[in-house]
Amino acid sequence: MPSHTIHIDDGQSFRCSDQESLLSGMEALGKKGIPVGCRNGGCGICKVAVLEGSYVSRVMSREHVSEGDEAAGRVLACRVRPSSDVHLSVIGKMKKTVCRAVEPTDVPSLST
């Protein structure tokens, strides 16, 4: 099963097979609190803009993705599977969670 590199415009990247949705791949980034909603294209939470690359899409709610949006590469990550490496921008409600900076954990000093 082919796997592709997905690049997010904030500098992160992840691997995603052509059998899983971009949303599933984003979840593998391990960030807590990624709001994933319904996973069926009905809630619009996972909206992304595909800037480069090709993908296969499934039916999406026109309430959240118009024909113009889809033609311009603005799609729901839960309804899209990559067919090549992809560069995307997170534009939906999950942008704040996916694109937030991860703070380093405080490491106690080893004072003697």
PDB file of N, CA and C in Angstrom:
ATOM      1  N   MET A   1       0.853  -1.173   0.000  1.00  0.00           N
ATOM      2  CA  MET A   1       0.000   0.000   0.000  1.00  0.00           C
ATOM      3  C   MET A   1       0.902   1.240   0.000  1.00  0.00           C
ATOM      4  N   PRO A   2       0.834   2.047  -1.068  1.00  0.00           N
ATOM      5  CA  PRO A   2       1.681   3.241  -1.177  1.00  0.00           C
ATOM      6  C   PRO A   2       1.424   4.242  -0.057  1.00  0.00           C
ATOM      7  N   SER A   3       2.487   4.917   0.343  1.00  0.00           N
ATOM      8  CA  SER A   3       2.410   5.939   1.382  1.00  0.00           C
ATOM      9  C   SER A   3       3.002   7.225   0.830  1.00  0.00           C
ATOM     10  N   HIS A   4       2.428   8.343   1.239  1.00  0.00           N
ATOM     11  CA  HIS A   4       2.843   9.643   0.719  1.00  0.00           C
ATOM     12  C   HIS A   4       3.199  10.578   1.870  1.00  0.00           C
ATOM     13  N   THR A   5       4.065  11.541   1.588  1.00  0.00           N
ATOM     14  CA  THR A   5       4.413  12.544   2.588  1.00  0.00           C
ATOM     15  C   THR A   5       3.460  13.712   2.452  1.00  0.00           C
ATOM     16  N   ILE A   6       2.863  14.093   3.567  1.00  0.00           N
ATOM     17  CA  ILE A   6       1.934  15.214   3.606  1.00  0.00           C
ATOM     18  C   ILE A   6       2.617  16.333   4.367  1.00  0.00           C
ATOM     19  N   HIS A   7       2.741  17.487   3.731  1.00  0.00           N
ATOM     20  CA  HIS A   7       3.374  18.658   4.333  1.00  0.00           C
ATOM     21  C   HIS A   7       2.294  19.672   4.688  1.00  0.00           C
ATOM     22  N   ILE A   8       2.322  20.145   5.923  1.00  0.00           N
ATOM     23  CA  ILE A   8       1.407  21.207   6.358  1.00  0.00           C
ATOM     24  C   ILE A   8       2.177  22.515   6.270  1.00  0.00           C
ATOM     25  N   ASP A   9       1.517  23.583   5.885  1.00  0.00           N
ATOM     26  CA  ASP A   9       2.216  24.851   5.637  1.00  0.00           C
ATOM     27  C   ASP A   9       2.884  25.447   6.866  1.00  0.00           C
ATOM     28  N   ASP A  10       2.686  24.881   8.054  1.00  0.00           N
ATOM     29  CA  ASP A  10       3.377  25.380   9.247  1.00  0.00           C
ATOM     30  C   ASP A  10       4.706  24.655   9.465  1.00  0.00           C
ATOM     31  N   GLY A  11       5.094  23.763   8.525  1.00  0.00           N
ATOM     32  CA  GLY A  11       6.380  23.084   8.623  1.00  0.00           C
ATOM     33  C   GLY A  11       6.307  21.636   9.073  1.00  0.00           C
ATOM     34  N   GLN A  12       5.177  21.183   9.558  1.00  0.00           N
ATOM     35  CA  GLN A  12       5.031  19.791   9.977  1.00  0.00           C
ATOM     36  C   GLN A  12       4.816  18.905   8.755  1.00  0.00           C
ATOM     37  N   SER A  13       5.137  17.639   8.908  1.00  0.00           N
ATOM     38  CA  SER A  13       4.832  16.674   7.857  1.00  0.00           C
ATOM     39  C   SER A  13       4.535  15.333   8.501  1.00  0.00           C
ATOM     40  N   PHE A  14       3.848  14.488   7.759  1.00  0.00           N
ATOM     41  CA  PHE A  14       3.516  13.152   8.230  1.00  0.00           C
ATOM     42  C   PHE A  14       3.340  12.248   7.024  1.00  0.00           C
ATOM     43  N   ARG A  15       3.372  10.950   7.277  1.00  0.00           N
ATOM     44  CA  ARG A  15       3.145   9.964   6.225  1.00  0.00           C
ATOM     45  C   ARG A  15       1.683   9.539   6.262  1.00  0.00           C
ATOM     46  N   CYS A  16       1.131   9.300   5.082  1.00  0.00           N
ATOM     47  CA  CYS A  16      -0.272   8.912   4.987  1.00  0.00           C
ATOM     48  C   CYS A  16      -0.403   7.939   3.824  1.00  0.00           C
ATOM     49  N   SER A  17      -0.985   6.779   4.075  1.00  0.00           N
ATOM     50  CA  SER A  17      -1.161   5.805   2.995  1.00  0.00           C
ATOM     51  C   SER A  17      -2.288   6.271   2.080  1.00  0.00           C
ATOM     52  N   ASP A  18      -2.318   5.715   0.891  1.00  0.00           N
ATOM     53  CA  ASP A  18      -3.379   6.091  -0.038  1.00  0.00           C
ATOM     54  C   ASP A  18      -4.710   5.437   0.327  1.00  0.00           C
ATOM     55  N   GLN A  19      -4.719   4.642   1.394  1.00  0.00           N
ATOM     56  CA  GLN A  19      -5.949   4.003   1.853  1.00  0.00           C
ATOM     57  C   GLN A  19      -6.558   4.689   3.076  1.00  0.00           C
ATOM     58  N   GLU A  20      -5.885   5.732   3.596  1.00  0.00           N
ATOM     59  CA  GLU A  20      -6.420   6.441   4.757  1.00  0.00           C
ATOM     60  C   GLU A  20      -6.632   7.909   4.413  1.00  0.00           C
ATOM     61  N   SER A  21      -7.527   8.523   5.143  1.00  0.00           N
ATOM     62  CA  SER A  21      -7.825   9.933   4.892  1.00  0.00           C
ATOM     63  C   SER A  21      -6.703  10.825   5.430  1.00  0.00           C
ATOM     64  N   LEU A  22      -6.639  12.025   4.893  1.00  0.00           N
ATOM     65  CA  LEU A  22      -5.670  12.999   5.420  1.00  0.00           C
ATOM     66  C   LEU A  22      -5.920  13.255   6.901  1.00  0.00           C
ATOM     67  N   LEU A  23      -7.175  13.240   7.314  1.00  0.00           N
ATOM     68  CA  LEU A  23      -7.498  13.456   8.722  1.00  0.00           C
ATOM     69  C   LEU A  23      -6.890  12.358   9.598  1.00  0.00           C
ATOM     70  N   SER A  24      -6.987  11.117   9.171  1.00  0.00           N
ATOM     71  CA  SER A  24      -6.384  10.016   9.940  1.00  0.00           C
ATOM     72  C   SER A  24      -4.887  10.220  10.081  1.00  0.00           C
ATOM     73  N   GLY A  25      -4.255  10.650   9.003  1.00  0.00           N
ATOM     74  CA  GLY A  25      -2.825  10.928   9.056  1.00  0.00           C
ATOM     75  C   GLY A  25      -2.492  12.054  10.010  1.00  0.00           C
ATOM     76  N   MET A  26      -3.312  13.111  10.014  1.00  0.00           N
ATOM     77  CA  MET A  26      -3.085  14.238  10.938  1.00  0.00           C
ATOM     78  C   MET A  26      -3.194  13.778  12.383  1.00  0.00           C
ATOM     79  N   GLU A  27      -4.130  12.901  12.647  1.00  0.00           N
ATOM     80  CA  GLU A  27      -4.281  12.384  14.009  1.00  0.00           C
ATOM     81  C   GLU A  27      -3.015  11.673  14.463  1.00  0.00           C
ATOM     82  N   ALA A  28      -2.297  11.064  13.530  1.00  0.00           N
ATOM     83  CA  ALA A  28      -1.060  10.362  13.867  1.00  0.00           C
ATOM     84  C   ALA A  28       0.049  11.320  14.291  1.00  0.00           C
ATOM     85  N   LEU A  29      -0.140  12.637  14.081  1.00  0.00           N
ATOM     86  CA  LEU A  29       0.843  13.609  14.564  1.00  0.00           C
ATOM     87  C   LEU A  29       0.928  13.573  16.087  1.00  0.00           C
ATOM     88  N   GLY A  30      -0.110  13.043  16.729  1.00  0.00           N
ATOM     89  CA  GLY A  30      -0.090  12.877  18.172  1.00  0.00           C
ATOM     90  C   GLY A  30      -0.428  14.122  18.965  1.00  0.00           C
ATOM     91  N   LYS A  31      -0.999  15.130  18.312  1.00  0.00           N
ATOM     92  CA  LYS A  31      -1.367  16.336  19.050  1.00  0.00           C
ATOM     93  C   LYS A  31      -2.668  16.108  19.795  1.00  0.00           C
ATOM     94  N   LYS A  32      -2.692  16.503  21.032  1.00  0.00           N
ATOM     95  CA  LYS A  32      -3.895  16.335  21.834  1.00  0.00           C
ATOM     96  C   LYS A  32      -4.942  17.347  21.390  1.00  0.00           C
ATOM     97  N   GLY A  33      -6.188  16.919  21.412  1.00  0.00           N
ATOM     98  CA  GLY A  33      -7.291  17.832  21.181  1.00  0.00           C
ATOM     99  C   GLY A  33      -7.606  18.145  19.733  1.00  0.00           C
ATOM    100  N   ILE A  34      -7.122  17.345  18.775  1.00  0.00           N
ATOM    101  CA  ILE A  34      -7.505  17.610  17.392  1.00  0.00           C
ATOM    102  C   ILE A  34      -9.002  17.337  17.280  1.00  0.00           C
ATOM    103  N   PRO A  35      -9.780  18.369  16.981  1.00  0.00           N
ATOM    104  CA  PRO A  35     -11.228  18.162  16.873  1.00  0.00           C
ATOM    105  C   PRO A  35     -11.538  17.485  15.547  1.00  0.00           C
ATOM    106  N   VAL A  36     -12.042  16.274  15.601  1.00  0.00           N
ATOM    107  CA  VAL A  36     -12.250  15.537  14.375  1.00  0.00           C
ATOM    108  C   VAL A  36     -13.703  15.453  13.940  1.00  0.00           C
ATOM    109  N   GLY A  37     -14.630  15.824  14.778  1.00  0.00           N
ATOM    110  CA  GLY A  37     -16.025  15.861  14.365  1.00  0.00           C
ATOM    111  C   GLY A  37     -16.577  14.522  13.945  1.00  0.00           C
ATOM    112  N   CYS A  38     -17.342  14.541  12.862  1.00  0.00           N
ATOM    113  CA  CYS A  38     -18.128  13.373  12.456  1.00  0.00           C
ATOM    114  C   CYS A  38     -17.357  12.339  11.649  1.00  0.00           C
ATOM    115  N   ARG A  39     -16.271  12.719  10.982  1.00  0.00           N
ATOM    116  CA  ARG A  39     -15.463  11.854  10.121  1.00  0.00           C
ATOM    117  C   ARG A  39     -16.182  11.415   8.846  1.00  0.00           C
ATOM    118  N   ASN A  40     -17.310  12.030   8.542  1.00  0.00           N
ATOM    119  CA  ASN A  40     -18.080  11.633   7.365  1.00  0.00           C
ATOM    120  C   ASN A  40     -18.381  12.802   6.427  1.00  0.00           C
ATOM    121  N   GLY A  41     -17.727  13.920   6.592  1.00  0.00           N
ATOM    122  CA  GLY A  41     -17.936  15.039   5.685  1.00  0.00           C
ATOM    123  C   GLY A  41     -19.125  15.918   6.002  1.00  0.00           C
ATOM    124  N   GLY A  42     -19.751  15.725   7.128  1.00  0.00           N
ATOM    125  CA  GLY A  42     -20.954  16.480   7.438  1.00  0.00           C
ATOM    126  C   GLY A  42     -20.777  17.665   8.361  1.00  0.00           C
ATOM    127  N   CYS A  43     -19.662  17.742   9.104  1.00  0.00           N
ATOM    128  CA  CYS A  43     -19.542  18.811  10.105  1.00  0.00           C
ATOM    129  C   CYS A  43     -18.650  19.973   9.664  1.00  0.00           C
ATOM    130  N   GLY A  44     -17.714  19.732   8.755  1.00  0.00           N
ATOM    131  CA  GLY A  44     -16.862  20.806   8.241  1.00  0.00           C
ATOM    132  C   GLY A  44     -15.679  21.187   9.100  1.00  0.00           C
ATOM    133  N   ILE A  45     -15.471  20.521  10.205  1.00  0.00           N
ATOM    134  CA  ILE A  45     -14.384  20.889  11.118  1.00  0.00           C
ATOM    135  C   ILE A  45     -13.006  20.735  10.474  1.00  0.00           C
ATOM    136  N   CYS A  46     -12.833  19.739   9.635  1.00  0.00           N
ATOM    137  CA  CYS A  46     -11.501  19.392   9.131  1.00  0.00           C
ATOM    138  C   CYS A  46     -11.177  19.992   7.760  1.00  0.00           C
ATOM    139  N   LYS A  47     -11.639  21.179   7.481  1.00  0.00           N
ATOM    140  CA  LYS A  47     -11.419  21.790   6.164  1.00  0.00           C
ATOM    141  C   LYS A  47      -9.955  22.162   5.965  1.00  0.00           C
ATOM    142  N   VAL A  48      -9.428  21.775   4.809  1.00  0.00           N
ATOM    143  CA  VAL A  48      -8.049  22.072   4.437  1.00  0.00           C
ATOM    144  C   VAL A  48      -8.028  22.588   3.001  1.00  0.00           C
ATOM    145  N   ALA A  49      -6.944  23.251   2.649  1.00  0.00           N
ATOM    146  CA  ALA A  49      -6.718  23.666   1.268  1.00  0.00           C
ATOM    147  C   ALA A  49      -5.524  22.885   0.751  1.00  0.00           C
ATOM    148  N   VAL A  50      -5.728  22.086  -0.278  1.00  0.00           N
ATOM    149  CA  VAL A  50      -4.634  21.345  -0.888  1.00  0.00           C
ATOM    150  C   VAL A  50      -3.932  22.300  -1.847  1.00  0.00           C
ATOM    151  N   LEU A  51      -2.690  22.642  -1.526  1.00  0.00           N
ATOM    152  CA  LEU A  51      -1.924  23.604  -2.305  1.00  0.00           C
ATOM    153  C   LEU A  51      -1.173  22.940  -3.446  1.00  0.00           C
ATOM    154  N   GLU A  52      -0.717  21.709  -3.225  1.00  0.00           N
ATOM    155  CA  GLU A  52       0.000  20.929  -4.247  1.00  0.00           C
ATOM    156  C   GLU A  52      -0.292  19.467  -4.021  1.00  0.00           C
ATOM    157  N   GLY A  53      -0.258  18.698  -5.088  1.00  0.00           N
ATOM    158  CA  GLY A  53      -0.430  17.260  -4.989  1.00  0.00           C
ATOM    159  C   GLY A  53      -1.797  16.822  -5.480  1.00  0.00           C
ATOM    160  N   SER A  54      -1.942  15.506  -5.572  1.00  0.00           N
ATOM    161  CA  SER A  54      -3.208  14.957  -6.049  1.00  0.00           C
ATOM    162  C   SER A  54      -3.832  14.081  -4.973  1.00  0.00           C
ATOM    163  N   TYR A  55      -5.131  13.927  -5.095  1.00  0.00           N
ATOM    164  CA  TYR A  55      -5.891  13.192  -4.098  1.00  0.00           C
ATOM    165  C   TYR A  55      -7.159  12.639  -4.727  1.00  0.00           C
ATOM    166  N   VAL A  56      -7.761  11.702  -4.016  1.00  0.00           N
ATOM    167  CA  VAL A  56      -9.051  11.139  -4.384  1.00  0.00           C
ATOM    168  C   VAL A  56     -10.016  11.593  -3.311  1.00  0.00           C
ATOM    169  N   SER A  57     -11.151  12.152  -3.731  1.00  0.00           N
ATOM    170  CA  SER A  57     -12.111  12.636  -2.734  1.00  0.00           C
ATOM    171  C   SER A  57     -13.420  11.870  -2.825  1.00  0.00           C
ATOM    172  N   ARG A  58     -14.089  11.852  -1.694  1.00  0.00           N
ATOM    173  CA  ARG A  58     -15.412  11.250  -1.598  1.00  0.00           C
ATOM    174  C   ARG A  58     -16.419  12.387  -1.433  1.00  0.00           C
ATOM    175  N   VAL A  59     -17.684  12.078  -1.429  1.00  0.00           N
ATOM    176  CA  VAL A  59     -18.741  13.076  -1.337  1.00  0.00           C
ATOM    177  C   VAL A  59     -18.599  13.885  -0.053  1.00  0.00           C
ATOM    178  N   MET A  60     -18.735  15.221  -0.195  1.00  0.00           N
ATOM    179  CA  MET A  60     -18.662  16.141   0.944  1.00  0.00           C
ATOM    180  C   MET A  60     -19.929  16.973   1.003  1.00  0.00           C
ATOM    181  N   SER A  61     -20.312  17.383   2.183  1.00  0.00           N
ATOM    182  CA  SER A  61     -21.490  18.220   2.365  1.00  0.00           C
ATOM    183  C   SER A  61     -21.297  19.570   1.677  1.00  0.00           C
ATOM    184  N   ARG A  62     -22.212  19.955   0.818  1.00  0.00           N
ATOM    185  CA  ARG A  62     -22.148  21.264   0.155  1.00  0.00           C
ATOM    186  C   ARG A  62     -22.417  22.400   1.143  1.00  0.00           C
ATOM    187  N   GLU A  63     -22.879  22.063   2.313  1.00  0.00           N
ATOM    188  CA  GLU A  63     -23.031  23.070   3.359  1.00  0.00           C
ATOM    189  C   GLU A  63     -21.669  23.595   3.805  1.00  0.00           C
ATOM    190  N   HIS A  64     -20.641  22.734   3.703  1.00  0.00           N
ATOM    191  CA  HIS A  64     -19.306  23.093   4.172  1.00  0.00           C
ATOM    192  C   HIS A  64     -18.291  23.272   3.055  1.00  0.00           C
ATOM    193  N   VAL A  65     -18.515  22.619   1.920  1.00  0.00           N
ATOM    194  CA  VAL A  65     -17.590  22.711   0.791  1.00  0.00           C
ATOM    195  C   VAL A  65     -18.420  22.931  -0.478  1.00  0.00           C
ATOM    196  N   SER A  66     -18.355  24.133  -1.000  1.00  0.00           N
ATOM    197  CA  SER A  66     -19.090  24.439  -2.231  1.00  0.00           C
ATOM    198  C   SER A  66     -18.366  23.815  -3.426  1.00  0.00           C
ATOM    199  N   GLU A  67     -19.018  23.800  -4.570  1.00  0.00           N
ATOM    200  CA  GLU A  67     -18.376  23.298  -5.790  1.00  0.00           C
ATOM    201  C   GLU A  67     -17.134  24.134  -6.097  1.00  0.00           C
ATOM    202  N   GLY A  68     -17.217  25.453  -5.865  1.00  0.00           N
ATOM    203  CA  GLY A  68     -16.068  26.333  -6.075  1.00  0.00           C
ATOM    204  C   GLY A  68     -14.923  26.024  -5.127  1.00  0.00           C
ATOM    205  N   ASP A  69     -15.270  25.764  -3.858  1.00  0.00           N
ATOM    206  CA  ASP A  69     -14.250  25.369  -2.880  1.00  0.00           C
ATOM    207  C   ASP A  69     -13.531  24.113  -3.358  1.00  0.00           C
ATOM    208  N   GLU A  70     -14.312  23.114  -3.718  1.00  0.00           N
ATOM    209  CA  GLU A  70     -13.729  21.838  -4.114  1.00  0.00           C
ATOM    210  C   GLU A  70     -12.854  22.005  -5.364  1.00  0.00           C
ATOM    211  N   ALA A  71     -13.303  22.789  -6.314  1.00  0.00           N
ATOM    212  CA  ALA A  71     -12.519  23.027  -7.532  1.00  0.00           C
ATOM    213  C   ALA A  71     -11.199  23.734  -7.218  1.00  0.00           C
ATOM    214  N   ALA A  72     -11.192  24.551  -6.146  1.00  0.00           N
ATOM    215  CA  ALA A  72      -9.989  25.280  -5.736  1.00  0.00           C
ATOM    216  C   ALA A  72      -9.119  24.485  -4.762  1.00  0.00           C
ATOM    217  N   GLY A  73      -9.505  23.229  -4.464  1.00  0.00           N
ATOM    218  CA  GLY A  73      -8.713  22.391  -3.567  1.00  0.00           C
ATOM    219  C   GLY A  73      -9.048  22.544  -2.107  1.00  0.00           C
ATOM    220  N   ARG A  74     -10.117  23.266  -1.780  1.00  0.00           N
ATOM    221  CA  ARG A  74     -10.554  23.381  -0.390  1.00  0.00           C
ATOM    222  C   ARG A  74     -11.532  22.238  -0.122  1.00  0.00           C
ATOM    223  N   VAL A  75     -11.077  21.280   0.682  1.00  0.00           N
ATOM    224  CA  VAL A  75     -11.808  20.034   0.891  1.00  0.00           C
ATOM    225  C   VAL A  75     -11.818  19.659   2.370  1.00  0.00           C
ATOM    226  N   LEU A  76     -12.556  18.624   2.695  1.00  0.00           N
ATOM    227  CA  LEU A  76     -12.578  18.109   4.065  1.00  0.00           C
ATOM    228  C   LEU A  76     -11.579  16.966   4.167  1.00  0.00           C
ATOM    229  N   ALA A  77     -10.662  17.076   5.103  1.00  0.00           N
ATOM    230  CA  ALA A  77      -9.582  16.095   5.247  1.00  0.00           C
ATOM    231  C   ALA A  77     -10.099  14.693   5.518  1.00  0.00           C
ATOM    232  N   CYS A  78     -11.282  14.574   6.108  1.00  0.00           N
ATOM    233  CA  CYS A  78     -11.849  13.248   6.389  1.00  0.00           C
ATOM    234  C   CYS A  78     -12.339  12.560   5.123  1.00  0.00           C
ATOM    235  N   ARG A  79     -12.518  13.305   4.043  1.00  0.00           N
ATOM    236  CA  ARG A  79     -13.074  12.750   2.806  1.00  0.00           C
ATOM    237  C   ARG A  79     -12.059  12.672   1.677  1.00  0.00           C
ATOM    238  N   VAL A  80     -10.774  12.864   1.994  1.00  0.00           N
ATOM    239  CA  VAL A  80      -9.739  12.919   0.969  1.00  0.00           C
ATOM    240  C   VAL A  80      -8.622  11.948   1.307  1.00  0.00           C
ATOM    241  N   ARG A  81      -8.203  11.173   0.301  1.00  0.00           N
ATOM    242  CA  ARG A  81      -7.056  10.266   0.433  1.00  0.00           C
ATOM    243  C   ARG A  81      -5.992  10.717  -0.561  1.00  0.00           C
ATOM    244  N   PRO A  82      -4.727  10.779  -0.139  1.00  0.00           N
ATOM    245  CA  PRO A  82      -3.678  11.242  -1.055  1.00  0.00           C
ATOM    246  C   PRO A  82      -3.356  10.207  -2.134  1.00  0.00           C
ATOM    247  N   SER A  83      -3.055  10.690  -3.333  1.00  0.00           N
ATOM    248  CA  SER A  83      -2.569   9.799  -4.394  1.00  0.00           C
ATOM    249  C   SER A  83      -1.168  10.226  -4.832  1.00  0.00           C
ATOM    250  N   SER A  84      -0.613  11.214  -4.125  1.00  0.00           N
ATOM    251  CA  SER A  84       0.771  11.667  -4.307  1.00  0.00           C
ATOM    252  C   SER A  84       1.169  12.385  -3.027  1.00  0.00           C
ATOM    253  N   ASP A  85       2.400  12.877  -2.964  1.00  0.00           N
ATOM    254  CA  ASP A  85       2.756  13.760  -1.860  1.00  0.00           C
ATOM    255  C   ASP A  85       1.860  14.985  -1.954  1.00  0.00           C
ATOM    256  N   VAL A  86       1.486  15.544  -0.805  1.00  0.00           N
ATOM    257  CA  VAL A  86       0.542  16.660  -0.764  1.00  0.00           C
ATOM    258  C   VAL A  86       1.099  17.758   0.135  1.00  0.00           C
ATOM    259  N   HIS A  87       0.893  19.007  -0.267  1.00  0.00           N
ATOM    260  CA  HIS A  87       1.183  20.174   0.564  1.00  0.00           C
ATOM    261  C   HIS A  87      -0.160  20.825   0.840  1.00  0.00           C
ATOM    262  N   LEU A  88      -0.491  20.997   2.114  1.00  0.00           N
ATOM    263  CA  LEU A  88      -1.798  21.556   2.451  1.00  0.00           C
ATOM    264  C   LEU A  88      -1.709  22.640   3.507  1.00  0.00           C
ATOM    265  N   SER A  89      -2.779  23.397   3.589  1.00  0.00           N
ATOM    266  CA  SER A  89      -2.951  24.418   4.610  1.00  0.00           C
ATOM    267  C   SER A  89      -4.215  24.076   5.379  1.00  0.00           C
ATOM    268  N   VAL A  90      -4.136  24.062   6.702  1.00  0.00           N
ATOM    269  CA  VAL A  90      -5.316  23.789   7.518  1.00  0.00           C
ATOM    270  C   VAL A  90      -6.101  25.091   7.627  1.00  0.00           C
ATOM    271  N   ILE A  91      -7.344  25.096   7.157  1.00  0.00           N
ATOM    272  CA  ILE A  91      -8.133  26.333   7.171  1.00  0.00           C
ATOM    273  C   ILE A  91      -9.409  26.211   7.985  1.00  0.00           C
ATOM    274  N   GLY A  92      -9.735  25.007   8.413  1.00  0.00           N
ATOM    275  CA  GLY A  92     -10.958  24.797   9.168  1.00  0.00           C
ATOM    276  C   GLY A  92     -10.789  25.099  10.642  1.00  0.00           C
ATOM    277  N   LYS A  93     -11.767  24.652  11.401  1.00  0.00           N
ATOM    278  CA  LYS A  93     -11.800  24.910  12.840  1.00  0.00           C
ATOM    279  C   LYS A  93     -10.653  24.240  13.583  1.00  0.00           C
ATOM    280  N   MET A  94      -9.993  23.261  12.972  1.00  0.00           N
ATOM    281  CA  MET A  94      -8.907  22.587  13.676  1.00  0.00           C
ATOM    282  C   MET A  94      -7.556  23.252  13.459  1.00  0.00           C
ATOM    283  N   LYS A  95      -7.500  24.364  12.730  1.00  0.00           N
ATOM    284  CA  LYS A  95      -6.228  25.047  12.481  1.00  0.00           C
ATOM    285  C   LYS A  95      -5.514  25.396  13.782  1.00  0.00           C
ATOM    286  N   LYS A  96      -6.258  25.916  14.745  1.00  0.00           N
ATOM    287  CA  LYS A  96      -5.642  26.326  16.009  1.00  0.00           C
ATOM    288  C   LYS A  96      -4.978  25.148  16.717  1.00  0.00           C
ATOM    289  N   THR A  97      -5.572  23.983  16.639  1.00  0.00           N
ATOM    290  CA  THR A  97      -5.029  22.815  17.319  1.00  0.00           C
ATOM    291  C   THR A  97      -3.894  22.168  16.541  1.00  0.00           C
ATOM    292  N   VAL A  98      -4.074  21.972  15.239  1.00  0.00           N
ATOM    293  CA  VAL A  98      -3.060  21.292  14.429  1.00  0.00           C
ATOM    294  C   VAL A  98      -1.815  22.146  14.282  1.00  0.00           C
ATOM    295  N   CYS A  99      -1.982  23.444  14.118  1.00  0.00           N
ATOM    296  CA  CYS A  99      -0.855  24.323  13.807  1.00  0.00           C
ATOM    297  C   CYS A  99      -0.258  25.027  15.017  1.00  0.00           C
ATOM    298  N   ARG A 100      -0.719  24.680  16.205  1.00  0.00           N
ATOM    299  CA  ARG A 100      -0.151  25.336  17.387  1.00  0.00           C
ATOM    300  C   ARG A 100       1.255  24.840  17.648  1.00  0.00           C
ATOM    301  N   ALA A 101       2.058  25.704  18.213  1.00  0.00           N
ATOM    302  CA  ALA A 101       3.426  25.335  18.576  1.00  0.00           C
ATOM    303  C   ALA A 101       3.381  24.439  19.808  1.00  0.00           C
ATOM    304  N   VAL A 102       4.206  23.445  19.821  1.00  0.00           N
ATOM    305  CA  VAL A 102       4.298  22.555  20.969  1.00  0.00           C
ATOM    306  C   VAL A 102       5.369  23.109  21.892  1.00  0.00           C
ATOM    307  N   GLU A 103       4.988  23.375  23.122  1.00  0.00           N
ATOM    308  CA  GLU A 103       5.921  23.922  24.106  1.00  0.00           C
ATOM    309  C   GLU A 103       6.792  22.807  24.658  1.00  0.00           C
ATOM    310  N   PRO A 104       8.104  23.050  24.778  1.00  0.00           N
ATOM    311  CA  PRO A 104       8.954  22.026  25.389  1.00  0.00           C
ATOM    312  C   PRO A 104       8.577  21.859  26.854  1.00  0.00           C
ATOM    313  N   THR A 105       8.686  20.644  27.327  1.00  0.00           N
ATOM    314  CA  THR A 105       8.360  20.406  28.736  1.00  0.00           C
ATOM    315  C   THR A 105       9.496  20.895  29.604  1.00  0.00           C
ATOM    316  N   ASP A 106       9.169  21.340  30.774  1.00  0.00           N
ATOM    317  CA  ASP A 106      10.188  21.785  31.715  1.00  0.00           C
ATOM    318  C   ASP A 106      10.950  20.576  32.228  1.00  0.00           C
ATOM    319  N   VAL A 107      12.240  20.640  32.156  1.00  0.00           N
ATOM    320  CA  VAL A 107      13.090  19.558  32.661  1.00  0.00           C
ATOM    321  C   VAL A 107      13.721  20.051  33.955  1.00  0.00           C
ATOM    322  N   PRO A 108      13.510  19.332  35.051  1.00  0.00           N
ATOM    323  CA  PRO A 108      14.097  19.775  36.321  1.00  0.00           C
ATOM    324  C   PRO A 108      15.608  19.760  36.244  1.00  0.00           C
ATOM    325  N   SER A 109      16.189  20.741  36.864  1.00  0.00           N
ATOM    326  CA  SER A 109      17.661  20.795  36.856  1.00  0.00           C
ATOM    327  C   SER A 109      18.210  19.733  37.814  1.00  0.00           C
ATOM    328  N   LEU A 110      19.404  19.334  37.529  1.00  0.00           N
ATOM    329  CA  LEU A 110      20.043  18.308  38.346  1.00  0.00           C
ATOM    330  C   LEU A 110      21.032  18.968  39.299  1.00  0.00           C
ATOM    331  N   SER A 111      20.559  19.917  40.067  1.00  0.00           N
ATOM    332  CA  SER A 111      21.420  20.637  41.024  1.00  0.00           C
ATOM    333  C   SER A 111      21.827  19.701  42.144  1.00  0.00           C
ATOM    334  N   THR A 112      23.033  19.898  42.599  1.00  0.00           N
ATOM    335  CA  THR A 112      23.505  19.092  43.741  1.00  0.00           C
ATOM    336  C   THR A 112      23.541  19.908  44.991  1.00  0.00           C
TER     337      THR A 112
END
